[in-house]
C-alpha atoms as a PDB file:
ATOM      1  CA  MET A   1      63.177 222.388  61.934  1.00  0.00           C
ATOM      2  CA  ASN A   2      63.464 218.813  60.758  1.00  0.00           C
ATOM      3  CA  SER A   3      66.504 217.175  62.438  1.00  0.00           C
ATOM      4  CA  ASN A   4      67.642 215.437  59.246  1.00  0.00           C
ATOM      5  CA  LEU A   5      67.520 218.726  57.338  1.00  0.00           C
ATOM      6  CA  PHE A   6      69.555 220.395  60.112  1.00  0.00           C
ATOM      7  CA  ILE A   7      72.252 217.736  59.894  1.00  0.00           C
ATOM      8  CA  VAL A   8      72.478 218.107  56.110  1.00  0.00           C
ATOM      9  CA  CYS A   9      72.780 221.905  56.365  1.00  0.00           C
ATOM     10  CA  PHE A  10      75.388 221.596  59.131  1.00  0.00           C
ATOM     11  CA  TYR A  11      77.440 219.187  57.004  1.00  0.00           C
ATOM     12  CA  TYR A  12      77.496 221.403  53.927  1.00  0.00           C
ATOM     13  CA  CYS A  13      78.322 224.540  55.948  1.00  0.00           C
ATOM     14  CA  PHE A  14      81.203 223.124  57.979  1.00  0.00           C
ATOM     15  CA  ARG A  15      82.721 220.296  55.935  1.00  0.00           C
ATOM     16  CA  GLU A  16      86.390 220.711  55.079  1.00  0.00           C
ATOM     17  CA  GLU A  17      87.197 221.504  51.516  1.00  0.00           C
ATOM     18  CA  VAL A  18      89.296 218.761  49.941  1.00  0.00           C
ATOM     19  CA  VAL A  19      92.188 220.159  47.933  1.00  0.00           C
ATOM     20  CA  HIS A  20      93.788 217.802  45.446  1.00  0.00           C
ATOM     21  CA  GLU A  21      97.478 218.642  45.140  1.00  0.00           C
ATOM     22  CA  SER A  22      99.555 217.816  42.112  1.00  0.00           C
ATOM     23  CA  ALA A  23     103.110 218.448  40.977  1.00  0.00           C
ATOM     24  CA  LYS A  24     103.691 221.763  39.261  1.00  0.00           C
ATOM     25  CA  LYS A  25     103.729 221.317  35.522  1.00  0.00           C
ATOM     26  CA  LYS A  26     107.068 222.181  33.972  1.00  0.00           C
ATOM     27  CA  LYS A  27     108.669 221.663  30.620  1.00  0.00           C
ATOM     28  CA  TYR A  28     110.914 218.750  31.496  1.00  0.00           C
ATOM     29  CA  SER A  29     113.738 217.933  29.091  1.00  0.00           C
ATOM     30  CA  ARG A  30     114.964 214.486  28.038  1.00  0.00           C
ATOM     31  CA  ASP A  31     117.767 215.701  25.734  1.00  0.00           C
ATOM     32  CA  GLY A  32     121.295 214.364  26.117  1.00  0.00           C
ATOM     33  CA  GLU A  33     120.369 211.157  27.941  1.00  0.00           C
ATOM     34  CA  THR A  34     122.261 208.860  25.572  1.00  0.00           C
ATOM     35  CA  PRO A  35     124.802 206.936  27.746  1.00  0.00           C
ATOM     36  CA  THR A  36     128.474 207.799  27.271  1.00  0.00           C
ATOM     37  CA  PRO A  37     130.815 204.790  27.655  1.00  0.00           C
ATOM     38  CA  TRP A  38     133.964 204.969  29.768  1.00  0.00           C
ATOM     39  CA  ASN A  39     136.931 202.643  30.165  1.00  0.00           C
ATOM     40  CA  VAL A  40     136.906 200.548  33.357  1.00  0.00           C
ATOM     41  CA  ASN A  41     140.733 200.712  33.366  1.00  0.00           C
ATOM     42  CA  SER A  42     140.387 204.386  34.299  1.00  0.00           C
ATOM     43  CA  LEU A  43     139.331 203.266  37.797  1.00  0.00           C
ATOM     44  CA  ALA A  44     142.994 202.394  38.464  1.00  0.00           C
ATOM     45  CA  ILE A  45     144.135 206.003  37.901  1.00  0.00           C
ATOM     46  CA  PRO A  46     144.586 207.966  41.172  1.00  0.00           C
ATOM     47  CA  ARG A  47     142.599 211.123  41.717  1.00  0.00           C
ATOM     48  CA  ARG A  48     144.382 214.307  40.685  1.00  0.00           C
ATOM     49  CA  ASP A  49     145.394 215.246  44.243  1.00  0.00           C
ATOM     50  CA  MET A  50     146.727 211.736  45.004  1.00  0.00           C
ATOM     51  CA  LYS A  51     148.906 211.152  41.951  1.00  0.00           C
ATOM     52  CA  ILE A  52     152.523 210.316  42.676  1.00  0.00           C
ATOM     53  CA  ARG A  53     154.841 213.114  41.588  1.00  0.00           C
ATOM     54  CA  GLY A  54     157.081 212.133  38.696  1.00  0.00           C
ATOM     55  CA  GLN A  55     154.919 209.180  37.652  1.00  0.00           C
ATOM     56  CA  GLN A  56     153.309 209.356  34.229  1.00  0.00           C
ATOM     57  CA  TYR A  57     149.578 208.809  33.786  1.00  0.00           C
ATOM     58  CA  PRO A  58     147.594 208.766  30.517  1.00  0.00           C
ATOM     59  CA  ASP A  59     145.759 212.096  30.206  1.00  0.00           C
ATOM     60  CA  ASP A  60     142.855 210.584  28.303  1.00  0.00           C
ATOM     61  CA  LEU A  61     142.285 207.809  30.856  1.00  0.00           C
ATOM     62  CA  SER A  62     140.897 209.372  34.024  1.00  0.00           C
ATOM     63  CA  TRP A  63     137.637 208.581  35.783  1.00  0.00           C
ATOM     64  CA  GLU A  64     137.391 212.267  36.774  1.00  0.00           C
ATOM     65  CA  GLN A  65     136.344 213.008  33.183  1.00  0.00           C
ATOM     66  CA  HIS A  66     133.219 210.899  33.658  1.00  0.00           C
ATOM     67  CA  PHE A  67     132.321 211.531  37.316  1.00  0.00           C
ATOM     68  CA  PHE A  68     131.835 214.871  39.078  1.00  0.00           C
ATOM     69  CA  PRO A  69     131.804 215.692  42.825  1.00  0.00           C
ATOM     70  CA  SER A  70     128.347 215.398  44.395  1.00  0.00           C
ATOM     71  CA  SER A  71     128.903 218.802  46.015  1.00  0.00           C
ATOM     72  CA  GLU A  72     128.584 220.297  42.489  1.00  0.00           C
ATOM     73  CA  PHE A  73     125.177 218.693  41.895  1.00  0.00           C
ATOM     74  CA  SER A  74     122.252 221.110  41.533  1.00  0.00           C
ATOM     75  CA  VAL A  75     118.835 221.262  39.868  1.00  0.00           C
ATOM     76  CA  LYS A  76     117.083 224.100  38.080  1.00  0.00           C
ATOM     77  CA  ASN A  77     114.235 225.513  40.176  1.00  0.00           C
ATOM     78  CA  SER A  78     113.099 228.715  38.495  1.00  0.00           C
ATOM     79  CA  LEU A  79     114.417 231.055  35.834  1.00  0.00           C
ATOM     80  CA  PHE A  80     116.139 233.547  38.121  1.00  0.00           C
ATOM     81  CA  SER A  81     116.734 231.560  41.311  1.00  0.00           C
ATOM     82  CA  LYS A  82     120.224 230.518  42.332  1.00  0.00           C
ATOM     83  CA  ALA A  83     121.004 226.809  42.204  1.00  0.00           C
ATOM     84  CA  ILE A  84     121.209 225.211  45.645  1.00  0.00           C
ATOM     85  CA  ARG A  85     123.946 222.697  46.394  1.00  0.00           C
ATOM     86  CA  VAL A  86     124.712 220.387  49.309  1.00  0.00           C
ATOM     87  CA  ASN A  87     128.182 220.255  50.811  1.00  0.00           C
ATOM     88  CA  PHE A  88     128.724 216.510  50.382  1.00  0.00           C
ATOM     89  CA  PRO A  89     132.070 214.912  51.404  1.00  0.00           C
ATOM     90  CA  ASN A  90     134.771 214.961  48.731  1.00  0.00           C
ATOM     91  CA  TYR A  91     134.656 211.165  48.289  1.00  0.00           C
ATOM     92  CA  LEU A  92     131.082 211.196  46.917  1.00  0.00           C
ATOM     93  CA  TYR A  93     130.636 211.486  43.143  1.00  0.00           C
ATOM     94  CA  MET A  94     127.958 211.251  40.469  1.00  0.00           C
ATOM     95  CA  SER A  95     128.330 209.757  37.015  1.00  0.00           C
ATOM     96  CA  ASN A  96     127.631 211.983  34.026  1.00  0.00           C
ATOM     97  CA  ASN A  97     125.389 209.179  32.792  1.00  0.00           C
ATOM     98  CA  TYR A  98     123.264 209.475  35.914  1.00  0.00           C
ATOM     99  CA  TYR A  99     123.066 213.270  35.775  1.00  0.00           C
ATOM    100  CA  GLU A 100     124.873 215.784  33.563  1.00  0.00           C
ATOM    101  CA  LYS A 101     126.189 218.624  35.723  1.00  0.00           C
ATOM    102  CA  GLY A 102     125.208 221.278  33.167  1.00  0.00           C
ATOM    103  CA  TRP A 103     121.531 220.265  33.275  1.00  0.00           C
ATOM    104  CA  GLY A 104     121.061 222.096  36.563  1.00  0.00           C
ATOM    105  CA  LEU A 105     121.801 225.430  34.879  1.00  0.00           C
ATOM    106  CA  LYS A 106     119.542 225.344  31.829  1.00  0.00           C
ATOM    107  CA  THR A 107     116.794 222.694  31.894  1.00  0.00           C
ATOM    108  CA  HIS A 108     114.233 221.109  34.207  1.00  0.00           C
ATOM    109  CA  ARG A 109     114.844 217.395  34.753  1.00  0.00           C
ATOM    110  CA  ARG A 110     112.960 214.636  36.482  1.00  0.00           C
ATOM    111  CA  LEU A 111     115.409 213.214  39.006  1.00  0.00           C
ATOM    112  CA  LYS A 112     115.863 209.466  39.096  1.00  0.00           C
ATOM    113  CA  ASN A 113     116.371 207.577  42.336  1.00  0.00           C
ATOM    114  CA  VAL A 114     119.925 206.533  43.133  1.00  0.00           C
ATOM    115  CA  ILE A 115     119.592 202.738  43.077  1.00  0.00           C
ATOM    116  CA  VAL A 116     123.193 201.528  42.730  1.00  0.00           C
ATOM    117  CA  VAL A 117     126.407 203.115  44.001  1.00  0.00           C
ATOM    118  CA  MET A 118     129.879 202.048  42.922  1.00  0.00           C
ATOM    119  CA  GLU A 119     132.562 201.923  45.605  1.00  0.00           C
ATOM    120  CA  PHE A 120     136.106 201.755  44.273  1.00  0.00           C
ATOM    121  CA  CYS A 121     139.776 202.211  45.170  1.00  0.00           C
ATOM    122  CA  PRO A 122     142.284 203.010  42.389  1.00  0.00           C
ATOM    123  CA  SER A 123     144.881 201.303  44.609  1.00  0.00           C
ATOM    124  CA  LYS A 124     143.956 199.297  47.683  1.00  0.00           C
ATOM    125  CA  THR A 125     147.471 199.550  49.116  1.00  0.00           C
ATOM    126  CA  ASN A 126     147.500 203.346  48.853  1.00  0.00           C
ATOM    127  CA  THR A 127     144.339 203.926  50.911  1.00  0.00           C
ATOM    128  CA  GLN A 128     144.886 205.498  54.303  1.00  0.00           C
ATOM    129  CA  LEU A 129     142.711 206.406  57.253  1.00  0.00           C
ATOM    130  CA  VAL A 130     142.198 210.132  57.699  1.00  0.00           C
ATOM    131  CA  ALA A 131     140.400 212.177  60.315  1.00  0.00           C
ATOM    132  CA  ALA A 132     137.099 213.628  59.200  1.00  0.00           C
ATOM    133  CA  SER A 133     136.904 216.926  61.079  1.00  0.00           C
ATOM    134  CA  SER A 134     133.172 217.241  60.358  1.00  0.00           C
ATOM    135  CA  LYS A 135     132.396 213.949  62.082  1.00  0.00           C
ATOM    136  CA  SER A 136     131.884 213.579  65.818  1.00  0.00           C
ATOM    137  CA  PHE A 137     130.120 211.337  68.304  1.00  0.00           C
ATOM    138  CA  SER A 138     126.568 212.678  68.119  1.00  0.00           C
ATOM    139  CA  VAL A 139     124.280 213.529  71.033  1.00  0.00           C
ATOM    140  CA  ALA A 140     121.885 210.764  69.986  1.00  0.00           C
ATOM    141  CA  GLN A 141     124.716 208.200  69.950  1.00  0.00           C
ATOM    142  CA  GLU A 142     125.842 209.297  73.421  1.00  0.00           C
ATOM    143  CA  LYS A 143     122.288 208.925  74.751  1.00  0.00           C
ATOM    144  CA  THR A 144     122.099 205.430  73.271  1.00  0.00           C
ATOM    145  CA  LEU A 145     125.423 204.554  74.868  1.00  0.00           C
ATOM    146  CA  LYS A 146     124.234 205.853  78.264  1.00  0.00           C
ATOM    147  CA  ARG A 147     121.141 203.647  78.046  1.00  0.00           C
ATOM    148  CA  ALA A 148     123.445 200.647  77.649  1.00  0.00           C
ATOM    149  CA  PHE A 149     125.126 201.613  80.937  1.00  0.00           C
ATOM    150  CA  THR A 150     121.795 202.117  82.730  1.00  0.00           C
ATOM    151  CA  SER A 151     120.464 199.319  84.922  1.00  0.00           C
ATOM    152  CA  SER A 152     116.824 198.252  85.115  1.00  0.00           C
ATOM    153  CA  ASP A 153     116.283 200.451  88.197  1.00  0.00           C
ATOM    154  CA  GLY A 154     117.563 203.546  86.346  1.00  0.00           C
ATOM    155  CA  LYS A 155     121.010 203.738  87.948  1.00  0.00           C
ATOM    156  CA  MET A 156     124.154 204.379  85.891  1.00  0.00           C
ATOM    157  CA  LEU A 157     126.558 201.424  85.863  1.00  0.00           C
ATOM    158  CA  ASP A 158     130.278 202.046  86.282  1.00  0.00           C
ATOM    159  CA  ARG A 159     131.264 199.317  83.842  1.00  0.00           C
ATOM    160  CA  ILE A 160     129.685 196.715  81.529  1.00  0.00           C
ATOM    161  CA  LYS A 161     130.959 193.370  80.287  1.00  0.00           C
ATOM    162  CA  VAL A 162     132.416 193.029  76.827  1.00  0.00           C
ATOM    163  CA  SER A 163     130.000 190.148  76.251  1.00  0.00           C
ATOM    164  CA  GLU A 164     127.249 192.791  76.124  1.00  0.00           C
ATOM    165  CA  MET A 165     129.177 195.005  73.714  1.00  0.00           C
ATOM    166  CA  LYS A 166     127.904 193.691  70.379  1.00  0.00           C
ATOM    167  CA  GLU A 167     124.365 194.831  71.113  1.00  0.00           C
ATOM    168  CA  VAL A 168     125.731 198.203  72.223  1.00  0.00           C
ATOM    169  CA  LEU A 169     127.715 198.624  68.992  1.00  0.00           C
ATOM    170  CA  ARG A 170     124.667 197.710  66.938  1.00  0.00           C
ATOM    171  CA  ALA A 171     122.566 200.319  68.757  1.00  0.00           C
ATOM    172  CA  VAL A 172     125.175 203.094  68.526  1.00  0.00           C
ATOM    173  CA  ASP A 173     125.726 202.293  64.815  1.00  0.00           C
ATOM    174  CA  VAL A 174     129.347 203.405  64.518  1.00  0.00           C
ATOM    175  CA  ILE A 175     130.879 200.280  63.014  1.00  0.00           C
ATOM    176  CA  GLY A 176     127.940 198.991  60.971  1.00  0.00           C
ATOM    177  CA  ASP A 177     126.989 195.345  60.421  1.00  0.00           C
ATOM    178  CA  ASP A 178     130.464 193.971  59.675  1.00  0.00           C
ATOM    179  CA  GLU A 179     130.953 191.239  62.309  1.00  0.00           C
ATOM    180  CA  LYS A 180     134.710 190.970  61.628  1.00  0.00           C
ATOM    181  CA  GLU A 181     135.094 194.711  62.165  1.00  0.00           C
ATOM    182  CA  LYS A 182     133.195 194.430  65.449  1.00  0.00           C
ATOM    183  CA  GLU A 183     135.432 191.581  66.632  1.00  0.00           C
ATOM    184  CA  LYS A 184     138.508 193.634  65.724  1.00  0.00           C
ATOM    185  CA  PHE A 185     137.177 196.621  67.646  1.00  0.00           C
ATOM    186  CA  LEU A 186     136.363 194.531  70.719  1.00  0.00           C
ATOM    187  CA  SER A 187     139.813 192.924  70.702  1.00  0.00           C
ATOM    188  CA  ASN A 188     141.435 196.373  70.921  1.00  0.00           C
ATOM    189  CA  ILE A 189     139.460 197.472  73.981  1.00  0.00           C
ATOM    190  CA  ASN A 190     141.596 197.928  77.075  1.00  0.00           C
ATOM    191  CA  MET A 191     139.585 195.821  79.538  1.00  0.00           C
ATOM    192  CA  ASP A 192     140.156 195.326  83.251  1.00  0.00           C
ATOM    193  CA  PRO A 193     140.846 191.817  84.649  1.00  0.00           C
ATOM    194  CA  ASN A 194     137.087 191.222  84.952  1.00  0.00           C
ATOM    195  CA  GLY A 195     136.544 191.814  81.235  1.00  0.00           C
ATOM    196  CA  THR A 196     134.610 195.068  81.675  1.00  0.00           C
ATOM    197  CA  VAL A 197     134.902 198.591  80.270  1.00  0.00           C
ATOM    198  CA  SER A 198     133.755 201.975  81.568  1.00  0.00           C
ATOM    199  CA  PHE A 199     131.451 204.472  79.849  1.00  0.00           C
ATOM    200  CA  ASP A 200     134.223 207.062  79.344  1.00  0.00           C
ATOM    201  CA  GLU A 201     136.661 204.491  77.931  1.00  0.00           C
ATOM    202  CA  LEU A 202     134.114 203.166  75.453  1.00  0.00           C
ATOM    203  CA  LYS A 203     132.933 206.645  74.426  1.00  0.00           C
ATOM    204  CA  GLN A 204     136.511 207.727  73.702  1.00  0.00           C
ATOM    205  CA  MET A 205     137.192 204.687  71.532  1.00  0.00           C
ATOM    206  CA  LEU A 206     133.910 205.073  69.622  1.00  0.00           C
ATOM    207  CA  SER A 207     134.581 208.792  69.099  1.00  0.00           C
ATOM    208  CA  GLN A 208     137.946 207.973  67.551  1.00  0.00           C
ATOM    209  CA  LYS A 209     136.269 205.337  65.403  1.00  0.00           C
ATOM    210  CA  VAL A 210     133.796 207.940  64.107  1.00  0.00           C
ATOM    211  CA  GLN A 211     136.529 210.461  63.302  1.00  0.00           C
ATOM    212  CA  TYR A 212     138.788 207.967  61.534  1.00  0.00           C
ATOM    213  CA  LYS A 213     136.225 206.026  59.468  1.00  0.00           C
ATOM    214  CA  VAL A 214     137.114 207.859  56.246  1.00  0.00           C
ATOM    215  CA  GLN A 215     139.734 206.394  53.923  1.00  0.00           C
ATOM    216  CA  ALA A 216     141.574 208.654  51.516  1.00  0.00           C
ATOM    217  CA  GLY A 217     141.686 206.949  48.132  1.00  0.00           C
ATOM    218  CA  ARG A 218     138.241 205.330  48.397  1.00  0.00           C
ATOM    219  CA  TYR A 219     135.346 206.805  46.419  1.00  0.00           C
ATOM    220  CA  TYR A 220     131.607 206.311  45.906  1.00  0.00           C
ATOM    221  CA  VAL A 221     129.798 207.105  42.657  1.00  0.00           C
ATOM    222  CA  ALA A 222     126.066 207.206  41.920  1.00  0.00           C
ATOM    223  CA  LEU A 223     125.621 205.222  38.692  1.00  0.00           C
ATOM    224  CA  SER A 224     122.862 204.863  36.150  1.00  0.00           C
ATOM    225  CA  LEU A 225     121.271 201.414  36.038  1.00  0.00           C
ATOM    226  CA  ALA A 226     122.813 200.788  32.597  1.00  0.00           C
ATOM    227  CA  GLU A 227     126.296 201.522  33.991  1.00  0.00           C
ATOM    228  CA  ALA A 228     125.710 199.295  37.009  1.00  0.00           C
ATOM    229  CA  GLN A 229     124.628 196.433  34.757  1.00  0.00           C
ATOM    230  CA  CYS A 230     127.739 196.753  32.579  1.00  0.00           C
ATOM    231  CA  LEU A 231     130.055 197.063  35.583  1.00  0.00           C
ATOM    232  CA  ARG A 232     128.551 193.980  37.195  1.00  0.00           C
ATOM    233  CA  LEU A 233     129.287 192.063  34.006  1.00  0.00           C
ATOM    234  CA  ALA A 234     132.885 193.351  34.113  1.00  0.00           C
ATOM    235  CA  ILE A 235     133.262 192.180  37.745  1.00  0.00           C
ATOM    236  CA  HIS A 236     131.964 188.704  36.851  1.00  0.00           C
ATOM    237  CA  GLY A 237     134.374 188.576  33.902  1.00  0.00           C
ATOM    238  CA  GLN A 238     137.322 188.995  36.305  1.00  0.00           C
ATOM    239  CA  HIS A 239     136.179 186.398  38.837  1.00  0.00           C
ATOM    240  CA  LYS A 240     138.963 185.471  41.319  1.00  0.00           C
ATOM    241  CA  VAL A 241     141.532 187.534  39.396  1.00  0.00           C
ATOM    242  CA  PRO A 242     142.463 191.236  39.714  1.00  0.00           C
ATOM    243  CA  PHE A 243     139.700 193.471  38.371  1.00  0.00           C
ATOM    244  CA  ILE A 244     142.289 195.364  36.311  1.00  0.00           C
ATOM    245  CA  PRO A 245     145.221 193.082  35.353  1.00  0.00           C
ATOM    246  CA  GLY A 246     148.503 194.082  36.977  1.00  0.00           C
ATOM    247  CA  MET A 247     146.822 196.612  39.287  1.00  0.00           C
ATOM    248  CA  ASP A 248     145.346 196.417  42.791  1.00  0.00           C
ATOM    249  CA  ALA A 249     142.243 198.489  42.011  1.00  0.00           C
ATOM    250  CA  THR A 250     139.094 197.156  43.685  1.00  0.00           C
ATOM    251  CA  VAL A 251     135.405 197.727  42.910  1.00  0.00           C
ATOM    252  CA  ALA A 252     132.080 196.950  44.580  1.00  0.00           C
ATOM    253  CA  LEU A 253     128.438 197.676  43.784  1.00  0.00           C
ATOM    254  CA  ARG A 254     126.085 198.683  46.597  1.00  0.00           C
ATOM    255  CA  THR A 255     122.410 199.355  47.042  1.00  0.00           C
ATOM    256  CA  GLU A 256     121.923 201.031  50.414  1.00  0.00           C
ATOM    257  CA  ARG A 257     123.580 198.709  52.977  1.00  0.00           C
ATOM    258  CA  THR A 258     123.629 195.680  50.682  1.00  0.00           C
ATOM    259  CA  CYS A 259     126.765 194.812  48.719  1.00  0.00           C
ATOM    260  CA  LEU A 260     125.575 193.449  45.360  1.00  0.00           C
ATOM    261  CA  ASP A 261     128.904 192.463  43.840  1.00  0.00           C
ATOM    262  CA  VAL A 262     132.560 192.773  44.674  1.00  0.00           C
ATOM    263  CA  SER A 263     135.823 192.308  42.784  1.00  0.00           C
ATOM    264  CA  ALA A 264     138.628 190.003  43.897  1.00  0.00           C
ATOM    265  CA  GLY A 265     140.622 191.302  46.862  1.00  0.00           C
ATOM    266  CA  LYS A 266     137.958 193.834  47.781  1.00  0.00           C
ATOM    267  CA  PHE A 267     137.388 194.934  51.349  1.00  0.00           C
ATOM    268  CA  VAL A 268     134.328 197.069  52.066  1.00  0.00           C
ATOM    269  CA  THR A 269     133.881 199.992  54.437  1.00  0.00           C
ATOM    270  CA  THR A 270     130.928 201.921  55.814  1.00  0.00           C
ATOM    271  CA  GLN A 271     132.248 205.471  55.535  1.00  0.00           C
ATOM    272  CA  CYS A 272     129.359 206.743  53.399  1.00  0.00           C
ATOM    273  CA  LEU A 273     126.428 204.610  54.512  1.00  0.00           C
ATOM    274  CA  GLY A 274     124.927 207.554  56.335  1.00  0.00           C
ATOM    275  CA  TYR A 275     124.560 209.275  52.996  1.00  0.00           C
ATOM    276  CA  LEU A 276     123.532 206.188  51.029  1.00  0.00           C
ATOM    277  CA  CYS A 277     120.659 205.372  53.353  1.00  0.00           C
ATOM    278  CA  VAL A 278     119.126 208.812  53.598  1.00  0.00           C
END
């Protein structure tokens, strides 16, 4: 048998079949996508569970009418299947202009990427640190911390110098990239006279930092690009003055870890970056 003919026959008998995959065709809807405006002054109204008893608030001026909890977000999969939801933290929201909650029950929609997230506090002075029971120092973070206490010959060090701590904090990724926050954390470490800290001492402090990173009264909302553009204009219009006159509400616009714009008096946190960067 001719060798060339054998090779050709072998190729056609044993070659892998190439399957070209494509998205399943569905009847996607574009109805109801006209943006609905909302008043930026509503961002100064406390959430329902944080309103001060006895104080009057305008019923028609609440941001909760325009944003819904991300834990209620769902998409339609098939006619009879049950909608699947993710148990997001209660400080994460979605704008009705980004996605209408009712869409997940009746129509198929093409999901848009979340490009810009609004971070806001109705009252900066009324925010408070709270323990997030679902958060803990992860196994991966503990392994990273142990590597920082491991010498070049593989032995575990009893203590390390605080001068080496910034690289450790960056690797463990508990505080984020805020240099001022890192300096504040380092200044609160109970060091020995030699300026060193033990593994157990550092792990305990970082564990507390993980559990108390959440601030009650601070919220994050996935916006449409049109909303983000309008809000950025509103922030620029109140340059160096309170975002909402007479109130201490603060607003910032984020894209992943980057802060795009911030109102006067704003201080940023990293409590939801794990969700924003997924």
